[in-house]
N, C-alpha and C. Protein backbone atom coordinates (compact mmCIF):
# COMPACT_ATOMS: atom_id res chain seq x y z
N MET A 1 0.84 -1.19 0.00
CA MET A 1 0.00 0.00 0.00
C MET A 1 0.88 1.25 0.00
N ILE A 2 0.49 2.22 -0.80
CA ILE A 2 1.22 3.48 -0.88
C ILE A 2 0.36 4.58 -0.24
N ILE A 3 0.96 5.30 0.71
CA ILE A 3 0.32 6.43 1.37
C ILE A 3 0.93 7.71 0.82
N GLY A 4 0.11 8.62 0.35
CA GLY A 4 0.60 9.91 -0.10
C GLY A 4 0.64 10.89 1.06
N LEU A 5 1.83 11.39 1.36
CA LEU A 5 2.01 12.33 2.47
C LEU A 5 2.27 13.71 1.88
N THR A 6 1.42 14.68 2.22
CA THR A 6 1.57 16.01 1.66
C THR A 6 1.25 17.07 2.69
N GLY A 7 1.45 18.32 2.30
CA GLY A 7 1.20 19.46 3.17
C GLY A 7 1.81 20.68 2.53
N GLY A 8 1.43 21.84 3.00
CA GLY A 8 1.96 23.07 2.44
C GLY A 8 3.42 23.28 2.81
N ILE A 9 4.03 24.27 2.20
CA ILE A 9 5.42 24.60 2.52
C ILE A 9 5.55 24.91 4.01
N GLY A 10 6.60 24.38 4.63
CA GLY A 10 6.84 24.64 6.04
C GLY A 10 5.98 23.83 6.99
N SER A 11 5.24 22.85 6.47
CA SER A 11 4.36 22.09 7.36
C SER A 11 5.09 20.99 8.12
N GLY A 12 6.28 20.62 7.66
CA GLY A 12 7.05 19.58 8.36
C GLY A 12 6.92 18.20 7.76
N LYS A 13 6.71 18.13 6.45
CA LYS A 13 6.55 16.83 5.78
C LYS A 13 7.77 15.93 5.98
N SER A 14 8.96 16.51 5.86
CA SER A 14 10.18 15.71 5.99
C SER A 14 10.34 15.18 7.41
N THR A 15 9.99 15.99 8.39
CA THR A 15 10.06 15.55 9.79
C THR A 15 9.12 14.38 10.02
N VAL A 16 7.92 14.47 9.47
CA VAL A 16 6.94 13.39 9.61
C VAL A 16 7.43 12.13 8.91
N ALA A 17 7.97 12.29 7.70
CA ALA A 17 8.47 11.13 6.96
C ALA A 17 9.58 10.42 7.73
N LYS A 18 10.46 11.19 8.35
CA LYS A 18 11.56 10.58 9.12
C LYS A 18 11.03 9.87 10.36
N ALA A 19 9.93 10.40 10.93
CA ALA A 19 9.33 9.72 12.08
C ALA A 19 8.76 8.36 11.66
N PHE A 20 8.15 8.30 10.48
CA PHE A 20 7.69 7.01 9.96
C PHE A 20 8.88 6.10 9.65
N GLU A 21 9.94 6.67 9.09
CA GLU A 21 11.12 5.88 8.75
C GLU A 21 11.71 5.23 10.01
N ALA A 22 11.67 5.96 11.14
CA ALA A 22 12.18 5.41 12.39
C ALA A 22 11.40 4.19 12.84
N LEU A 23 10.18 4.03 12.32
CA LEU A 23 9.35 2.87 12.63
C LEU A 23 9.48 1.78 11.56
N GLY A 24 10.42 1.95 10.64
CA GLY A 24 10.69 0.93 9.64
C GLY A 24 9.97 1.10 8.32
N ILE A 25 9.44 2.30 8.06
CA ILE A 25 8.66 2.54 6.85
C ILE A 25 9.51 3.29 5.81
N GLY A 26 9.55 2.74 4.60
CA GLY A 26 10.29 3.38 3.53
C GLY A 26 9.50 4.50 2.88
N TYR A 27 10.21 5.48 2.34
CA TYR A 27 9.51 6.55 1.65
C TYR A 27 10.33 7.10 0.49
N VAL A 28 9.62 7.68 -0.46
CA VAL A 28 10.22 8.40 -1.57
C VAL A 28 9.82 9.86 -1.43
N ASP A 29 10.79 10.76 -1.48
CA ASP A 29 10.53 12.19 -1.37
C ASP A 29 10.55 12.79 -2.77
N ALA A 30 9.40 13.28 -3.22
CA ALA A 30 9.32 13.83 -4.58
C ALA A 30 10.24 15.03 -4.76
N ASP A 31 10.49 15.80 -3.68
CA ASP A 31 11.42 16.92 -3.78
C ASP A 31 12.83 16.44 -4.08
N ASP A 32 13.24 15.34 -3.44
CA ASP A 32 14.57 14.78 -3.72
C ASP A 32 14.66 14.33 -5.17
N VAL A 33 13.61 13.68 -5.65
CA VAL A 33 13.60 13.23 -7.05
C VAL A 33 13.63 14.43 -7.99
N ALA A 34 12.88 15.48 -7.64
CA ALA A 34 12.86 16.69 -8.48
C ALA A 34 14.24 17.32 -8.58
N ARG A 35 15.02 17.26 -7.51
CA ARG A 35 16.39 17.78 -7.57
C ARG A 35 17.28 16.88 -8.41
N GLU A 36 17.07 15.58 -8.30
CA GLU A 36 17.91 14.64 -9.05
C GLU A 36 17.75 14.81 -10.56
N ILE A 37 16.51 15.01 -11.02
CA ILE A 37 16.30 15.01 -12.47
C ILE A 37 16.78 16.30 -13.15
N VAL A 38 17.24 17.28 -12.35
CA VAL A 38 17.83 18.47 -12.97
C VAL A 38 19.30 18.61 -12.60
N GLU A 39 19.92 17.50 -12.20
CA GLU A 39 21.35 17.53 -11.94
C GLU A 39 22.13 17.59 -13.26
N PRO A 40 23.40 18.03 -13.21
CA PRO A 40 24.21 18.05 -14.43
C PRO A 40 24.20 16.69 -15.13
N ASP A 41 24.15 16.73 -16.45
CA ASP A 41 24.10 15.55 -17.32
C ASP A 41 22.72 14.92 -17.43
N GLU A 42 21.73 15.46 -16.69
CA GLU A 42 20.36 14.98 -16.86
C GLU A 42 19.71 15.74 -18.03
N PRO A 43 18.95 15.04 -18.88
CA PRO A 43 18.33 15.69 -20.05
C PRO A 43 17.46 16.89 -19.68
N ALA A 44 16.77 16.84 -18.56
CA ALA A 44 15.88 17.94 -18.19
C ALA A 44 16.66 19.23 -17.98
N LEU A 45 17.86 19.14 -17.43
CA LEU A 45 18.63 20.36 -17.18
C LEU A 45 19.02 21.03 -18.49
N SER A 46 19.36 20.26 -19.49
CA SER A 46 19.70 20.83 -20.79
C SER A 46 18.51 21.57 -21.39
N GLU A 47 17.32 20.97 -21.26
CA GLU A 47 16.12 21.62 -21.79
C GLU A 47 15.83 22.93 -21.06
N ILE A 48 16.01 22.92 -19.75
CA ILE A 48 15.76 24.12 -18.96
C ILE A 48 16.74 25.23 -19.33
N ALA A 49 18.02 24.88 -19.46
CA ALA A 49 19.03 25.88 -19.82
C ALA A 49 18.78 26.44 -21.21
N ASP A 50 18.35 25.60 -22.14
CA ASP A 50 18.06 26.07 -23.49
C ASP A 50 16.86 27.01 -23.49
N HIS A 51 15.89 26.74 -22.63
CA HIS A 51 14.66 27.54 -22.61
C HIS A 51 14.84 28.87 -21.88
N PHE A 52 15.44 28.82 -20.69
CA PHE A 52 15.54 30.02 -19.86
C PHE A 52 16.86 30.77 -20.03
N GLY A 53 17.88 30.08 -20.51
CA GLY A 53 19.19 30.71 -20.67
C GLY A 53 20.22 30.10 -19.74
N ARG A 54 21.48 30.13 -20.20
CA ARG A 54 22.56 29.51 -19.43
C ARG A 54 22.86 30.26 -18.13
N HIS A 55 22.34 31.48 -17.99
CA HIS A 55 22.60 32.24 -16.77
C HIS A 55 21.95 31.60 -15.54
N LEU A 56 21.05 30.64 -15.76
CA LEU A 56 20.44 29.93 -14.63
C LEU A 56 21.30 28.76 -14.15
N LEU A 57 22.47 28.60 -14.76
CA LEU A 57 23.40 27.56 -14.31
C LEU A 57 24.51 28.19 -13.49
N LYS A 58 24.90 27.51 -12.41
CA LYS A 58 26.03 27.96 -11.61
C LYS A 58 27.34 27.64 -12.32
N THR A 59 28.42 28.11 -11.77
CA THR A 59 29.72 27.90 -12.41
C THR A 59 30.09 26.42 -12.49
N ASP A 60 29.56 25.60 -11.59
CA ASP A 60 29.86 24.16 -11.63
C ASP A 60 28.91 23.39 -12.55
N GLY A 61 28.02 24.12 -13.24
CA GLY A 61 27.10 23.48 -14.17
C GLY A 61 25.79 23.05 -13.57
N SER A 62 25.62 23.22 -12.26
CA SER A 62 24.37 22.85 -11.61
C SER A 62 23.34 23.96 -11.75
N LEU A 63 22.09 23.62 -11.49
CA LEU A 63 21.00 24.57 -11.63
C LEU A 63 20.95 25.52 -10.43
N ASP A 64 20.80 26.79 -10.72
CA ASP A 64 20.57 27.79 -9.67
C ASP A 64 19.08 27.77 -9.35
N ARG A 65 18.71 26.94 -8.40
CA ARG A 65 17.30 26.71 -8.12
C ARG A 65 16.60 27.97 -7.60
N ALA A 66 17.31 28.78 -6.81
CA ALA A 66 16.71 30.01 -6.29
C ALA A 66 16.38 30.97 -7.43
N ALA A 67 17.30 31.09 -8.40
CA ALA A 67 17.06 31.98 -9.54
C ALA A 67 15.91 31.47 -10.40
N LEU A 68 15.84 30.15 -10.58
CA LEU A 68 14.74 29.58 -11.36
C LEU A 68 13.40 29.79 -10.65
N ARG A 69 13.39 29.58 -9.33
CA ARG A 69 12.16 29.77 -8.56
C ARG A 69 11.65 31.21 -8.70
N GLU A 70 12.58 32.14 -8.61
CA GLU A 70 12.20 33.55 -8.75
C GLU A 70 11.69 33.85 -10.15
N ARG A 71 12.26 33.16 -11.13
CA ARG A 71 11.90 33.39 -12.54
C ARG A 71 10.49 32.91 -12.86
N ILE A 72 10.07 31.80 -12.25
CA ILE A 72 8.81 31.19 -12.69
C ILE A 72 7.59 31.53 -11.85
N PHE A 73 7.79 31.89 -10.58
CA PHE A 73 6.61 32.01 -9.72
C PHE A 73 5.71 33.18 -10.08
N ASN A 74 6.25 34.17 -10.74
CA ASN A 74 5.41 35.29 -11.18
C ASN A 74 4.96 35.14 -12.62
N GLU A 75 5.29 34.02 -13.25
CA GLU A 75 4.91 33.79 -14.65
C GLU A 75 4.31 32.40 -14.78
N PRO A 76 3.00 32.28 -14.65
CA PRO A 76 2.35 30.96 -14.70
C PRO A 76 2.64 30.17 -15.96
N SER A 77 2.77 30.85 -17.10
CA SER A 77 3.02 30.11 -18.34
C SER A 77 4.39 29.46 -18.32
N GLU A 78 5.38 30.13 -17.73
CA GLU A 78 6.72 29.56 -17.65
C GLU A 78 6.76 28.42 -16.62
N ARG A 79 6.02 28.58 -15.54
CA ARG A 79 5.93 27.50 -14.57
C ARG A 79 5.28 26.26 -15.20
N ALA A 80 4.25 26.50 -16.01
CA ALA A 80 3.58 25.38 -16.68
C ALA A 80 4.54 24.68 -17.65
N TRP A 81 5.36 25.47 -18.34
CA TRP A 81 6.34 24.86 -19.26
C TRP A 81 7.33 24.00 -18.47
N LEU A 82 7.82 24.54 -17.37
CA LEU A 82 8.79 23.80 -16.56
C LEU A 82 8.19 22.49 -16.07
N GLU A 83 6.95 22.54 -15.61
CA GLU A 83 6.29 21.33 -15.11
C GLU A 83 6.09 20.31 -16.23
N SER A 84 5.85 20.77 -17.45
CA SER A 84 5.68 19.84 -18.57
C SER A 84 6.98 19.07 -18.86
N VAL A 85 8.10 19.69 -18.53
CA VAL A 85 9.40 19.05 -18.74
C VAL A 85 9.77 18.13 -17.57
N THR A 86 9.49 18.59 -16.37
CA THR A 86 9.97 17.87 -15.19
C THR A 86 9.00 16.84 -14.63
N HIS A 87 7.71 17.13 -14.63
CA HIS A 87 6.75 16.24 -13.95
C HIS A 87 6.73 14.81 -14.50
N PRO A 88 6.72 14.61 -15.83
CA PRO A 88 6.73 13.22 -16.32
C PRO A 88 7.98 12.45 -15.88
N ARG A 89 9.12 13.13 -15.88
CA ARG A 89 10.36 12.47 -15.45
C ARG A 89 10.33 12.17 -13.96
N ILE A 90 9.82 13.11 -13.18
CA ILE A 90 9.71 12.89 -11.74
C ILE A 90 8.80 11.70 -11.47
N ARG A 91 7.66 11.67 -12.13
CA ARG A 91 6.70 10.59 -11.91
C ARG A 91 7.31 9.23 -12.23
N GLN A 92 8.01 9.13 -13.35
CA GLN A 92 8.60 7.86 -13.74
C GLN A 92 9.60 7.37 -12.70
N ARG A 93 10.45 8.28 -12.21
CA ARG A 93 11.45 7.87 -11.23
C ARG A 93 10.81 7.52 -9.89
N ILE A 94 9.76 8.25 -9.51
CA ILE A 94 9.05 7.94 -8.28
C ILE A 94 8.47 6.53 -8.34
N VAL A 95 7.82 6.20 -9.45
CA VAL A 95 7.21 4.87 -9.59
C VAL A 95 8.28 3.79 -9.46
N GLU A 96 9.42 4.00 -10.08
CA GLU A 96 10.51 3.02 -10.00
C GLU A 96 10.99 2.83 -8.56
N ARG A 97 11.15 3.93 -7.83
CA ARG A 97 11.62 3.85 -6.45
C ARG A 97 10.58 3.18 -5.55
N LEU A 98 9.32 3.51 -5.74
CA LEU A 98 8.27 2.92 -4.91
C LEU A 98 8.21 1.41 -5.09
N GLN A 99 8.37 0.95 -6.32
CA GLN A 99 8.31 -0.48 -6.58
C GLN A 99 9.41 -1.22 -5.84
N VAL A 100 10.58 -0.62 -5.74
CA VAL A 100 11.69 -1.23 -5.01
C VAL A 100 11.38 -1.27 -3.51
N LEU A 101 10.89 -0.15 -2.97
CA LEU A 101 10.63 -0.06 -1.54
C LEU A 101 9.52 -1.00 -1.09
N LYS A 102 8.53 -1.21 -1.95
CA LYS A 102 7.39 -2.05 -1.58
C LYS A 102 7.80 -3.49 -1.26
N ARG A 103 8.98 -3.91 -1.73
CA ARG A 103 9.44 -5.26 -1.46
C ARG A 103 9.91 -5.43 -0.01
N HIS A 104 10.21 -4.31 0.66
CA HIS A 104 10.86 -4.40 1.97
C HIS A 104 10.11 -3.67 3.08
N SER A 105 8.97 -3.05 2.79
CA SER A 105 8.27 -2.24 3.79
C SER A 105 6.80 -2.64 3.81
N PRO A 106 6.17 -2.72 5.00
CA PRO A 106 4.77 -3.13 5.06
C PRO A 106 3.84 -2.20 4.28
N TYR A 107 4.20 -0.94 4.20
CA TYR A 107 3.56 0.04 3.32
C TYR A 107 4.63 1.11 3.06
N VAL A 108 4.42 1.96 2.09
CA VAL A 108 5.43 2.97 1.76
C VAL A 108 4.75 4.33 1.64
N LEU A 109 5.56 5.37 1.79
CA LEU A 109 5.08 6.74 1.69
C LEU A 109 5.62 7.41 0.44
N LEU A 110 4.76 8.16 -0.22
CA LEU A 110 5.18 9.09 -1.25
C LEU A 110 5.02 10.48 -0.67
N VAL A 111 6.14 11.14 -0.38
CA VAL A 111 6.13 12.46 0.23
C VAL A 111 6.20 13.50 -0.88
N SER A 112 5.17 14.31 -1.02
CA SER A 112 5.11 15.24 -2.13
C SER A 112 4.34 16.50 -1.76
N PRO A 113 4.95 17.68 -1.89
CA PRO A 113 4.23 18.93 -1.63
C PRO A 113 3.14 19.19 -2.66
N LEU A 114 3.28 18.60 -3.84
CA LEU A 114 2.32 18.82 -4.93
C LEU A 114 1.59 17.51 -5.26
N LEU A 115 1.29 16.74 -4.24
CA LEU A 115 0.65 15.44 -4.45
C LEU A 115 -0.64 15.59 -5.26
N PHE A 116 -1.48 16.54 -4.89
CA PHE A 116 -2.75 16.73 -5.59
C PHE A 116 -2.57 17.53 -6.87
N GLU A 117 -1.75 18.59 -6.81
CA GLU A 117 -1.59 19.47 -7.96
C GLU A 117 -0.93 18.78 -9.15
N SER A 118 0.00 17.86 -8.88
CA SER A 118 0.77 17.22 -9.95
C SER A 118 0.11 15.97 -10.51
N GLY A 119 -0.96 15.51 -9.88
CA GLY A 119 -1.58 14.26 -10.29
C GLY A 119 -0.96 13.03 -9.66
N GLN A 120 0.03 13.22 -8.78
CA GLN A 120 0.69 12.08 -8.14
C GLN A 120 -0.24 11.36 -7.18
N ALA A 121 -1.34 11.99 -6.78
CA ALA A 121 -2.30 11.32 -5.90
C ALA A 121 -2.87 10.07 -6.54
N ALA A 122 -2.82 9.99 -7.87
CA ALA A 122 -3.31 8.80 -8.56
C ALA A 122 -2.43 7.58 -8.27
N LEU A 123 -1.23 7.80 -7.73
CA LEU A 123 -0.31 6.70 -7.45
C LEU A 123 -0.56 6.09 -6.07
N VAL A 124 -1.39 6.73 -5.24
CA VAL A 124 -1.50 6.31 -3.85
C VAL A 124 -2.89 5.77 -3.53
N ALA A 125 -2.95 4.96 -2.47
CA ALA A 125 -4.22 4.38 -2.04
C ALA A 125 -4.91 5.26 -1.01
N ARG A 126 -4.12 6.10 -0.33
CA ARG A 126 -4.66 6.91 0.76
C ARG A 126 -3.78 8.14 0.93
N THR A 127 -4.37 9.26 1.38
CA THR A 127 -3.60 10.49 1.52
C THR A 127 -3.58 10.96 2.97
N LEU A 128 -2.40 11.42 3.39
CA LEU A 128 -2.19 11.96 4.72
C LEU A 128 -1.69 13.39 4.59
N VAL A 129 -2.44 14.34 5.12
CA VAL A 129 -2.06 15.75 5.06
C VAL A 129 -1.46 16.17 6.40
N VAL A 130 -0.26 16.74 6.33
CA VAL A 130 0.37 17.35 7.50
C VAL A 130 -0.12 18.79 7.57
N ASP A 131 -0.83 19.11 8.63
CA ASP A 131 -1.51 20.41 8.70
C ASP A 131 -0.91 21.30 9.78
N VAL A 132 -0.65 22.56 9.40
CA VAL A 132 -0.25 23.61 10.35
C VAL A 132 -0.94 24.89 9.94
N SER A 133 -0.93 25.88 10.82
CA SER A 133 -1.50 27.18 10.47
C SER A 133 -0.63 27.87 9.43
N MET A 134 -1.21 28.81 8.71
CA MET A 134 -0.45 29.53 7.69
C MET A 134 0.62 30.41 8.34
N ASP A 135 0.37 30.90 9.54
CA ASP A 135 1.40 31.66 10.25
C ASP A 135 2.61 30.78 10.53
N THR A 136 2.36 29.53 10.91
CA THR A 136 3.45 28.59 11.14
C THR A 136 4.21 28.32 9.85
N GLN A 137 3.47 28.15 8.75
CA GLN A 137 4.12 27.94 7.46
C GLN A 137 5.07 29.08 7.14
N ARG A 138 4.60 30.31 7.29
CA ARG A 138 5.43 31.48 6.95
C ARG A 138 6.65 31.56 7.86
N GLU A 139 6.44 31.36 9.15
CA GLU A 139 7.54 31.46 10.11
C GLU A 139 8.61 30.41 9.84
N ARG A 140 8.21 29.16 9.64
CA ARG A 140 9.18 28.09 9.42
C ARG A 140 9.93 28.27 8.10
N THR A 141 9.21 28.71 7.07
CA THR A 141 9.86 28.87 5.76
C THR A 141 10.86 30.02 5.77
N LEU A 142 10.51 31.12 6.42
CA LEU A 142 11.45 32.23 6.54
C LEU A 142 12.71 31.80 7.28
N ARG A 143 12.53 31.04 8.35
CA ARG A 143 13.67 30.60 9.16
C ARG A 143 14.52 29.57 8.42
N ARG A 144 13.88 28.69 7.67
CA ARG A 144 14.59 27.59 7.02
C ARG A 144 15.24 27.99 5.70
N ASP A 145 14.49 28.71 4.86
CA ASP A 145 14.94 28.95 3.49
C ASP A 145 15.57 30.31 3.26
N GLY A 146 15.32 31.26 4.14
CA GLY A 146 15.88 32.59 3.95
C GLY A 146 15.35 33.31 2.72
N VAL A 147 14.15 32.97 2.29
CA VAL A 147 13.56 33.64 1.13
C VAL A 147 12.77 34.86 1.60
N SER A 148 12.39 35.70 0.66
CA SER A 148 11.65 36.90 1.01
C SER A 148 10.20 36.57 1.33
N ALA A 149 9.54 37.49 2.03
CA ALA A 149 8.13 37.31 2.34
C ALA A 149 7.31 37.23 1.07
N ALA A 150 7.70 38.00 0.05
CA ALA A 150 6.97 37.98 -1.22
C ALA A 150 7.08 36.63 -1.90
N GLN A 151 8.25 36.01 -1.84
CA GLN A 151 8.43 34.68 -2.43
C GLN A 151 7.60 33.64 -1.70
N ILE A 152 7.53 33.75 -0.39
CA ILE A 152 6.71 32.81 0.37
C ILE A 152 5.24 32.94 -0.02
N GLU A 153 4.77 34.15 -0.17
CA GLU A 153 3.38 34.35 -0.57
C GLU A 153 3.13 33.78 -1.97
N ALA A 154 4.11 33.92 -2.87
CA ALA A 154 3.96 33.36 -4.21
C ALA A 154 3.91 31.84 -4.17
N ILE A 155 4.73 31.24 -3.31
CA ILE A 155 4.72 29.78 -3.17
C ILE A 155 3.38 29.32 -2.61
N LEU A 156 2.90 30.01 -1.58
CA LEU A 156 1.61 29.65 -0.99
C LEU A 156 0.49 29.76 -2.02
N ALA A 157 0.56 30.80 -2.85
CA ALA A 157 -0.48 30.99 -3.86
C ALA A 157 -0.44 29.91 -4.93
N ALA A 158 0.75 29.35 -5.18
CA ALA A 158 0.89 28.32 -6.21
C ALA A 158 0.44 26.95 -5.73
N GLN A 159 0.34 26.77 -4.41
CA GLN A 159 -0.09 25.49 -3.85
C GLN A 159 -1.59 25.53 -3.56
N LEU A 160 -2.16 24.36 -3.39
CA LEU A 160 -3.55 24.30 -2.95
C LEU A 160 -3.70 25.03 -1.62
N SER A 161 -4.87 25.57 -1.38
CA SER A 161 -5.10 26.21 -0.10
C SER A 161 -5.17 25.15 1.00
N ARG A 162 -4.97 25.60 2.22
CA ARG A 162 -5.07 24.69 3.36
C ARG A 162 -6.42 24.00 3.39
N GLU A 163 -7.49 24.75 3.12
CA GLU A 163 -8.84 24.19 3.15
C GLU A 163 -9.03 23.11 2.09
N GLU A 164 -8.48 23.35 0.89
CA GLU A 164 -8.62 22.36 -0.19
C GLU A 164 -7.87 21.08 0.14
N ARG A 165 -6.68 21.20 0.73
CA ARG A 165 -5.93 19.99 1.10
C ARG A 165 -6.70 19.17 2.13
N LEU A 166 -7.27 19.87 3.12
CA LEU A 166 -7.99 19.16 4.18
C LEU A 166 -9.22 18.44 3.64
N VAL A 167 -9.89 19.05 2.67
CA VAL A 167 -11.06 18.41 2.06
C VAL A 167 -10.66 17.12 1.36
N ARG A 168 -9.48 17.11 0.74
CA ARG A 168 -9.04 15.95 -0.03
C ARG A 168 -8.36 14.88 0.82
N ALA A 169 -8.07 15.20 2.06
CA ALA A 169 -7.30 14.29 2.91
C ALA A 169 -8.13 13.10 3.37
N ASP A 170 -7.50 11.93 3.41
CA ASP A 170 -8.08 10.79 4.10
C ASP A 170 -7.75 10.84 5.58
N ASP A 171 -6.54 11.31 5.89
CA ASP A 171 -6.09 11.43 7.27
C ASP A 171 -5.38 12.77 7.43
N VAL A 172 -5.43 13.32 8.62
CA VAL A 172 -4.80 14.61 8.91
C VAL A 172 -3.92 14.48 10.15
N LEU A 173 -2.70 14.99 10.06
CA LEU A 173 -1.77 15.00 11.18
C LEU A 173 -1.49 16.46 11.54
N ASP A 174 -1.79 16.83 12.78
CA ASP A 174 -1.59 18.20 13.24
C ASP A 174 -0.15 18.37 13.71
N ASN A 175 0.61 19.22 13.00
CA ASN A 175 2.02 19.41 13.33
C ASN A 175 2.29 20.80 13.91
N ASP A 176 1.29 21.38 14.56
CA ASP A 176 1.48 22.66 15.23
C ASP A 176 1.88 22.48 16.69
N GLY A 177 1.98 21.23 17.14
CA GLY A 177 2.29 20.97 18.54
C GLY A 177 3.75 20.63 18.76
N ASP A 178 4.02 19.95 19.87
CA ASP A 178 5.40 19.60 20.23
C ASP A 178 5.80 18.27 19.61
N PRO A 179 7.12 17.97 19.59
CA PRO A 179 7.61 16.74 18.94
C PRO A 179 7.02 15.45 19.52
N GLU A 180 6.77 15.41 20.82
CA GLU A 180 6.23 14.18 21.42
C GLU A 180 4.82 13.91 20.92
N ARG A 181 4.03 14.97 20.77
CA ARG A 181 2.67 14.80 20.25
C ARG A 181 2.73 14.31 18.81
N LEU A 182 3.68 14.83 18.04
CA LEU A 182 3.85 14.39 16.66
C LEU A 182 4.19 12.91 16.61
N LYS A 183 5.13 12.47 17.44
CA LYS A 183 5.53 11.06 17.46
C LYS A 183 4.36 10.16 17.81
N ALA A 184 3.52 10.60 18.73
CA ALA A 184 2.35 9.79 19.13
C ALA A 184 1.37 9.66 17.98
N GLN A 185 1.16 10.74 17.24
CA GLN A 185 0.25 10.68 16.09
C GLN A 185 0.80 9.75 15.01
N VAL A 186 2.10 9.83 14.76
CA VAL A 186 2.73 8.97 13.75
C VAL A 186 2.60 7.51 14.16
N ALA A 187 2.84 7.22 15.43
CA ALA A 187 2.75 5.84 15.91
C ALA A 187 1.34 5.29 15.73
N ALA A 188 0.33 6.10 16.02
CA ALA A 188 -1.05 5.65 15.86
C ALA A 188 -1.38 5.41 14.39
N LEU A 189 -0.92 6.30 13.52
CA LEU A 189 -1.16 6.13 12.09
C LEU A 189 -0.43 4.90 11.55
N ASP A 190 0.79 4.70 12.03
CA ASP A 190 1.57 3.54 11.59
C ASP A 190 0.84 2.24 11.92
N GLU A 191 0.27 2.17 13.11
CA GLU A 191 -0.47 0.98 13.51
C GLU A 191 -1.66 0.76 12.57
N ARG A 192 -2.39 1.83 12.27
CA ARG A 192 -3.55 1.72 11.37
C ARG A 192 -3.12 1.30 9.97
N TYR A 193 -2.06 1.93 9.47
CA TYR A 193 -1.64 1.63 8.10
C TYR A 193 -1.13 0.20 7.95
N ARG A 194 -0.44 -0.30 8.97
CA ARG A 194 0.01 -1.69 8.94
C ARG A 194 -1.19 -2.63 8.89
N HIS A 195 -2.21 -2.32 9.68
CA HIS A 195 -3.42 -3.14 9.68
C HIS A 195 -4.11 -3.09 8.32
N MET A 196 -4.21 -1.88 7.76
CA MET A 196 -4.84 -1.74 6.44
C MET A 196 -4.08 -2.52 5.39
N SER A 197 -2.76 -2.46 5.45
CA SER A 197 -1.94 -3.16 4.48
C SER A 197 -2.12 -4.67 4.58
N GLU A 198 -2.18 -5.16 5.82
CA GLU A 198 -2.35 -6.60 6.05
C GLU A 198 -3.71 -7.09 5.58
N THR A 199 -4.74 -6.24 5.76
CA THR A 199 -6.11 -6.65 5.41
C THR A 199 -6.51 -6.16 4.03
N ASN A 200 -5.59 -5.43 3.37
CA ASN A 200 -5.85 -4.90 2.02
C ASN A 200 -7.11 -4.04 1.99
N SER A 201 -7.24 -3.14 2.99
CA SER A 201 -8.42 -2.29 3.06
C SER A 201 -8.03 -0.83 3.29
N PRO A 202 -7.44 -0.17 2.27
CA PRO A 202 -6.97 1.20 2.44
C PRO A 202 -8.08 2.25 2.47
N GLN A 203 -9.30 1.87 2.17
CA GLN A 203 -10.36 2.86 2.07
C GLN A 203 -11.36 2.80 3.21
N GLU A 204 -10.88 2.55 4.41
CA GLU A 204 -11.78 2.59 5.56
C GLU A 204 -12.25 4.03 5.79
N PRO A 205 -13.31 4.26 6.55
CA PRO A 205 -13.82 5.62 6.75
C PRO A 205 -12.74 6.57 7.25
N LYS A 206 -12.81 7.82 6.80
CA LYS A 206 -11.81 8.82 7.15
C LYS A 206 -11.82 9.11 8.64
N ARG A 207 -10.61 9.23 9.21
CA ARG A 207 -10.46 9.65 10.59
C ARG A 207 -9.24 10.53 10.70
N SER A 208 -9.26 11.49 11.59
CA SER A 208 -8.11 12.36 11.78
C SER A 208 -7.25 11.87 12.92
C-alpha cells in the first residue's frame, strides 16, 4: 500500500516522513527526485538551460534553483512549461523507487508537496495531510529557506489552499504541537496503516 504524504510549505513533511522511517517505513521524497532530475548531465537540465538561458546555471554546471524559482513564480506560463518538462520524469522515477521499496516495507510513503496538484495522488491508495496554520508555514519557511516574504506568498499561492488539502485528505496529522505529540500521532497512524496493508483495506472511513 502506498500512502501519499503532503502538506503546504513549512508544514514539516520531511520531519513526519523521518518519524515514519524510524518505525521501519520506507519513503520516496518527490522533492529529492525533483532535484535529481535536474542535476548536471540529466536531459531535463539541458532543456531548462536552453529555454531560460545559461545564466540559470552555476559555475559548476548545476541549476541555480533560487534563480529559477524567482523566474517562474510570477509567470504561470513559464511554470507550466517547466512542469511539462519535469513532472513526467519525476513521476517515472518515483514509480521506479516505490516499486523497489514495496518489497521491503509493510507500506510505503510518497512524500510530495504537490501530491494533488501534480496528479501524483493517482499513485496512492490513501492520503495523509500534515496540517499547520499559515502563520506557522510562513515562520518556518522564513527561518529555514531565507527567502523573502513575497516569495513565500507566491509559493503559498501556487499550492492548494489549506482548506482544499484538508477536504481531499483521508487522514490529517496536526504538526502545530510539540515533537512528542507528533511522534504519538505517527505511531497511531503507523499501527492503522500496517493493519490496512495486512487486510488490504486502504479505504476505511476517514479519521483524523
